[in-house]
């Protein structure tokens, strides 16, 4: 069943949000192949991603890195840390971090680097290991954050806005049945090692896991939904 199969689409989109490096540039064609072969991102959204993928593959690396830092590291309004847009600097953020790290561990993903668990590329990496229906459901819980980030990036004319548009389509599907099983991408993409290397944070190792505890997931979802303020109101 499709719902029992993880999707590499989440891993591909995670790579696109990683800090640009030589590995990411080399993996750009494989990322495009994964998105096309799995087909979870519709053709219009994939077409919108093409300029960013081309930039990552062809543009000057230092210019790409400068752009990335200017967007995501210098303003809280574009932070890639999810709880920044929900809890800000409140004490609730610390407990939310602990709970999310616990969800990762129960799912078989163990943090091994000093990275905050709410970092969006890491969250997407985790979703790439989960059953598709479950992953889409968790994406639906952060749809309001994705919408705000897409809006802000679009206003800046950034090609990264297309990544959030694609993520929102996956989030929108969190309430519906999963599609038919996709082709076995790992058998059709030759440069799959490059895609793995592109997710540069190397912040996790994978183990057999023991399934996710319902209470932990429920609390995580409650934390994401608890902040009644719109994520659009996050301060700069």
Protein backbone atom coordinates (compact mmCIF):
# COMPACT_ATOMS: atom_id res chain seq x y z
CA UNK A 1 0.00 0.00 0.00
CA UNK A 2 1.19 3.52 -0.78
CA UNK A 3 0.51 4.66 2.76
CA UNK A 4 3.14 2.20 4.03
CA UNK A 5 5.86 3.47 1.70
CA UNK A 6 8.14 6.40 2.55
CA UNK A 7 8.67 9.03 -0.13
CA UNK A 8 11.99 10.39 -1.35
CA UNK A 9 10.23 13.56 -2.48
CA UNK A 10 10.61 14.90 1.06
CA UNK A 11 14.34 14.15 0.94
CA UNK A 12 14.68 15.90 -2.41
CA UNK A 13 12.92 19.04 -1.17
CA UNK A 14 15.00 18.91 2.00
CA UNK A 15 18.15 18.97 -0.12
CA UNK A 16 16.93 22.06 -1.98
CA UNK A 17 16.70 23.90 1.34
CA UNK A 18 20.19 22.87 2.47
CA UNK A 19 23.12 25.30 2.53
CA UNK A 20 24.50 25.32 -1.03
CA UNK A 21 27.66 23.34 -1.62
CA UNK A 22 29.41 21.37 -4.33
CA UNK A 23 27.52 18.21 -3.39
CA UNK A 24 24.19 19.96 -3.83
CA UNK A 25 25.24 21.30 -7.23
CA UNK A 26 26.22 17.79 -8.33
CA UNK A 27 22.96 16.34 -7.03
CA UNK A 28 20.66 18.84 -8.76
CA UNK A 29 19.84 16.54 -11.73
CA UNK A 30 19.08 13.63 -9.37
CA UNK A 31 16.79 15.86 -7.31
CA UNK A 32 14.83 16.80 -10.42
CA UNK A 33 14.62 13.11 -11.40
CA UNK A 34 13.26 12.08 -8.00
CA UNK A 35 10.56 14.74 -8.12
CA UNK A 36 9.51 13.70 -11.63
CA UNK A 37 9.60 9.95 -11.02
CA UNK A 38 7.59 9.97 -7.81
CA UNK A 39 5.14 12.52 -9.15
CA UNK A 40 3.92 13.69 -5.73
CA UNK A 41 4.67 17.28 -6.71
CA UNK A 42 2.44 18.25 -9.64
CA UNK A 43 3.92 19.32 -12.95
CA UNK A 44 3.28 23.08 -12.48
CA UNK A 45 5.04 23.09 -9.12
CA UNK A 46 7.93 21.04 -10.55
CA UNK A 47 8.25 23.52 -13.40
CA UNK A 48 8.38 26.35 -10.86
CA UNK A 49 11.27 24.56 -9.11
CA UNK A 50 13.32 24.33 -12.32
CA UNK A 51 14.91 27.83 -12.03
CA UNK A 52 16.12 27.13 -8.49
CA UNK A 53 17.49 23.72 -9.43
CA UNK A 54 19.29 25.29 -12.41
CA UNK A 55 20.73 28.04 -10.21
CA UNK A 56 22.01 25.53 -7.66
CA UNK A 57 23.64 23.51 -10.43
CA UNK A 58 25.16 26.34 -12.45
CA UNK A 59 25.56 29.58 -10.50
CA UNK A 60 28.67 30.71 -8.63
CA UNK A 61 28.81 28.82 -5.34
CA UNK A 62 29.84 31.80 -3.22
CA UNK A 63 27.00 33.89 -4.63
CA UNK A 64 24.55 31.09 -3.85
CA UNK A 65 25.83 30.84 -0.30
CA UNK A 66 25.64 34.59 0.22
CA UNK A 67 22.04 34.61 -1.00
CA UNK A 68 21.13 31.68 1.25
CA UNK A 69 22.62 33.29 4.36
CA UNK A 70 20.97 36.61 3.53
CA UNK A 71 17.58 34.95 3.29
CA UNK A 72 17.48 32.32 5.98
CA UNK A 73 20.12 33.20 8.56
CA UNK A 74 19.77 36.96 8.97
CA UNK A 75 16.07 37.37 9.64
CA UNK A 76 13.67 35.57 11.94
CA UNK A 77 10.85 36.14 9.45
CA UNK A 78 12.47 33.64 7.07
CA UNK A 79 13.91 31.28 9.67
CA UNK A 80 13.93 27.61 8.67
CA UNK A 81 13.34 26.67 12.32
CA UNK A 82 9.66 25.82 12.64
CA UNK A 83 9.16 26.74 16.28
CA UNK A 84 10.56 30.22 15.66
CA UNK A 85 7.25 30.92 13.91
CA UNK A 86 5.13 29.29 16.62
CA UNK A 87 6.77 29.84 19.99
CA UNK A 88 9.38 32.53 19.31
CA UNK A 89 11.59 32.83 22.39
CA UNK A 90 8.97 31.57 24.85
CA UNK A 91 9.66 28.73 27.29
CA UNK A 92 7.27 26.50 25.36
CA UNK A 93 9.84 26.26 22.59
CA UNK A 94 12.24 24.24 24.74
CA UNK A 95 9.66 21.59 25.58
CA UNK A 96 8.56 21.48 21.96
CA UNK A 97 12.17 20.78 20.94
CA UNK A 98 12.41 17.94 23.44
CA UNK A 99 9.15 16.41 22.22
CA UNK A 100 10.14 16.63 18.56
CA UNK A 101 13.54 15.07 19.25
CA UNK A 102 11.69 12.26 21.03
CA UNK A 103 9.47 11.71 17.99
CA UNK A 104 12.58 11.44 15.82
CA UNK A 105 14.16 8.91 18.17
CA UNK A 106 11.02 6.77 18.32
CA UNK A 107 10.89 6.86 14.54
CA UNK A 108 14.44 5.50 14.30
CA UNK A 109 16.25 8.76 13.57
CA UNK A 110 18.84 9.81 16.14
CA UNK A 111 20.34 13.30 16.23
CA UNK A 112 24.13 13.18 16.24
CA UNK A 113 25.01 16.82 15.62
CA UNK A 114 24.29 20.08 17.35
CA UNK A 115 21.27 20.88 15.17
CA UNK A 116 17.92 22.01 16.51
CA UNK A 117 15.24 19.39 15.79
CA UNK A 118 12.79 21.94 14.37
CA UNK A 119 15.13 22.79 11.46
CA UNK A 120 12.88 22.34 8.41
CA UNK A 121 15.37 20.38 6.22
CA UNK A 122 15.88 17.97 9.13
CA UNK A 123 12.12 17.67 9.64
CA UNK A 124 11.72 16.84 5.92
CA UNK A 125 14.54 14.31 6.14
CA UNK A 126 12.62 12.60 8.92
CA UNK A 127 9.39 12.64 6.91
CA UNK A 128 11.20 10.89 4.06
CA UNK A 129 11.51 7.86 6.37
CA UNK A 130 7.86 7.78 7.44
CA UNK A 131 4.83 6.23 5.70
CA UNK A 132 3.50 8.66 3.12
CA UNK A 133 0.11 9.23 4.72
CA UNK A 134 1.72 9.95 8.10
CA UNK A 135 4.24 12.33 6.52
CA UNK A 136 1.54 14.23 4.70
CA UNK A 137 -0.46 14.55 7.90
CA UNK A 138 2.49 16.09 9.72
CA UNK A 139 3.06 18.42 6.77
CA UNK A 140 -0.54 19.59 7.03
CA UNK A 141 0.17 20.69 10.61
CA UNK A 142 2.79 23.21 9.43
CA UNK A 143 0.87 24.43 6.36
CA UNK A 144 0.36 27.90 7.88
CA UNK A 145 4.11 28.29 8.41
CA UNK A 146 4.86 27.17 4.86
CA UNK A 147 2.32 29.64 3.49
CA UNK A 148 3.90 32.55 5.36
CA UNK A 149 7.41 31.64 4.23
CA UNK A 150 6.27 31.26 0.63
CA UNK A 151 4.58 34.66 0.75
CA UNK A 152 7.66 36.36 2.17
CA UNK A 153 10.04 34.73 -0.31
CA UNK A 154 7.74 35.56 -3.22
CA UNK A 155 7.71 39.22 -2.16
CA UNK A 156 11.51 39.15 -2.36
CA UNK A 157 11.49 37.54 -5.79
CA UNK A 158 13.35 34.49 -4.45
CA UNK A 159 13.43 31.23 -6.38
CA UNK A 160 13.22 29.44 -3.01
CA UNK A 161 9.52 30.34 -2.86
CA UNK A 162 8.89 27.45 -5.26
CA UNK A 163 10.10 24.93 -2.66
CA UNK A 164 7.45 26.10 -0.22
CA UNK A 165 4.79 26.02 -2.92
CA UNK A 166 5.71 22.38 -3.56
CA UNK A 167 5.67 21.58 0.16
CA UNK A 168 2.24 23.13 0.49
CA UNK A 169 0.86 20.78 -2.16
CA UNK A 170 2.08 17.86 -0.05
CA UNK A 171 0.55 19.44 3.04
CA UNK A 172 -2.76 19.95 1.23
CA UNK A 173 -2.82 16.26 0.40
CA UNK A 174 -2.49 15.41 4.09
CA UNK A 175 -6.25 15.16 4.37
CA UNK A 176 -6.80 12.86 1.38
CA UNK A 177 -5.90 9.33 0.37
CA UNK A 178 -2.38 8.72 -0.88
CA UNK A 179 -1.86 8.10 -4.62
CA UNK A 180 -0.98 4.81 -6.26
CA UNK A 181 2.50 3.43 -5.55
CA UNK A 182 5.23 5.37 -7.34
CA UNK A 183 8.06 3.79 -9.38
CA UNK A 184 11.02 2.45 -7.43
CA UNK A 185 13.10 5.60 -7.66
CA UNK A 186 16.25 4.11 -6.18
CA UNK A 187 16.39 1.71 -9.13
CA UNK A 188 15.99 4.46 -11.73
CA UNK A 189 18.16 7.34 -10.49
CA UNK A 190 21.81 6.57 -11.20
CA UNK A 191 23.33 9.36 -9.13
CA UNK A 192 21.46 8.61 -5.94
CA UNK A 193 24.59 8.88 -3.79
CA UNK A 194 24.78 12.53 -4.81
CA UNK A 195 21.28 13.13 -3.52
CA UNK A 196 22.26 11.68 -0.14
CA UNK A 197 25.37 13.84 -0.07
CA UNK A 198 23.37 16.95 -0.90
CA UNK A 199 21.63 16.84 2.46
CA UNK A 200 24.78 18.34 3.93
CA UNK A 201 23.93 18.62 7.60
CA UNK A 202 24.62 14.88 8.21
CA UNK A 203 22.77 15.35 11.45
CA UNK A 204 21.19 11.95 11.77
CA UNK A 205 21.74 8.23 11.80
CA UNK A 206 19.05 5.69 11.19
CA UNK A 207 18.13 2.71 13.31
CA UNK A 208 15.33 0.18 13.29
CA UNK A 209 13.11 2.36 15.49
CA UNK A 210 10.09 1.14 17.36
CA UNK A 211 7.25 3.09 15.80
CA UNK A 212 6.02 6.49 16.88
CA UNK A 213 4.14 6.98 20.13
CA UNK A 214 0.71 8.48 19.51
CA UNK A 215 0.93 10.72 22.56
CA UNK A 216 4.20 12.29 21.41
CA UNK A 217 2.86 13.01 17.93
CA UNK A 218 -0.36 14.41 19.37
CA UNK A 219 1.54 16.73 21.68
CA UNK A 220 3.76 17.91 18.83
CA UNK A 221 0.68 18.70 16.75
CA UNK A 222 -0.90 20.49 19.69
CA UNK A 223 2.21 22.62 20.07
CA UNK A 224 2.17 23.58 16.41
CA UNK A 225 -1.48 24.52 16.58
CA UNK A 226 -1.40 26.11 20.04
CA UNK A 227 -0.16 29.50 18.91
CA UNK A 228 -3.32 31.24 17.79
CA UNK A 229 -1.35 34.12 16.29
CA UNK A 230 -0.80 33.90 12.54
CA UNK A 231 2.77 33.04 11.58
CA UNK A 232 2.66 36.14 9.40
CA UNK A 233 3.07 38.16 12.59
CA UNK A 234 6.53 36.80 13.40
CA UNK A 235 8.85 39.73 14.11
CA UNK A 236 11.89 40.40 11.98
